[in-house]
Amino acid sequence: MSDLVSLMQRYVEQNQLHDLEGGVNTEVPGVRFYRSTHSTNKTPFVYESGIIILGQGYKTITIGNEHRVTYGANDYLVAGVPMPLECESLATPEEPILGLSIHIEHTLLMRLVSQLDEHGMEYPTQKKGQCGVQSVRMNERMLNSCQRMMHALLHPIEAKVLGQSLIEDILFCVLTGTEGHVLVELARYEGHYARIAKALAKIHSHYNEPLSVQALSEVSNMSISAFHHAFRAVTMESPLQYLKKVRLNKAKQLIQVEGVRVTEAAMKVGYVSPSQFSREFKRHFNQTPKGHVGLSDSVSSVAAKPV
């Protein structure tokens, strides 16, 4: 058993989280602790951007139709942009999934990247066709940083005083690691990755409005053809397919978590035709919208910041 998972188990004991199935906020703003005892088959939902640290358990995510990313104990996931995907997990009551998710403020990201650039930091070259979510095996430096965060979370005063500096420490490790470029590109306004991020922000804040590919390409300051190519390279999806998945996941959350009626949920996420919404919902989730009414969502608590 690694020191990291031991610290996470202590956190469960100390905070009486033995029945937790999902995520919970910690004393450090932007940091959530996650626990789950259930294995799941492929389940569609949206990963938000940030850093995901796994102390125990195993997950496989599928992006688009074929791109698969796996991560397990002592791995971390770098999510540069919000990403609709399908996730499978392996966990048991004896060995639950335990992890942290860390939201990174854009101002902090820009400041650290600027400082690294000033000191001549050279980043690994992004591989051709590489999307905006990558898993990395922790090196000793990263593992130590994650352990320091867990030590602080076990002591509330330490967490409140040192929490933000510990986030910076972890972010530094990620930026200087093998997949640091996934976040570095977001801090550089002129890169295609940063431009696509602007379109994704538009989708996630205005998903209930009519959004054309032309309008999204204008947000990114790119031609339609260049936008299509860059968007698929980052998300493994076409812009309209990505928008549809975001809308369906938002609708699922409205139906399951907030108890909104199916027809109302369809309208709230931008569908004009309830029948089209029902068809696409069933095709995406393999279940009708009515089949989700009244169900407790095993991933709803991590839909925004999953592990």
Foldseek 3Di string as FASTA:
>chain_A
DDLLVVLQVVLCVVVVCLVDQEWDDFLFPQKIKHKHADWDDWFKFKAAFFKKAWQAWKKWKAFAPHDIAIDGHQKMKGALHIATIIMTIDHHSVTIIIIMTGDDDLVLLLVVLVVCVVVPQDADDDDFLAALMHMDHDDPQLVVLSSVQSVQRSPSVSCNVCVVVSSSSNLVCCCNDNNNVSNSQCSDLPDLSVLLRQLRVVLLVPQQDDDDLCNSCVSSVHDSVVNQVSNCSHRVDGPVVRSLSSLLNQLLCCQQVVVDDQVVSCNRRHHPDSVVSQVVNCVNRVDGSVVRHPDHDSHSNCSHHHD
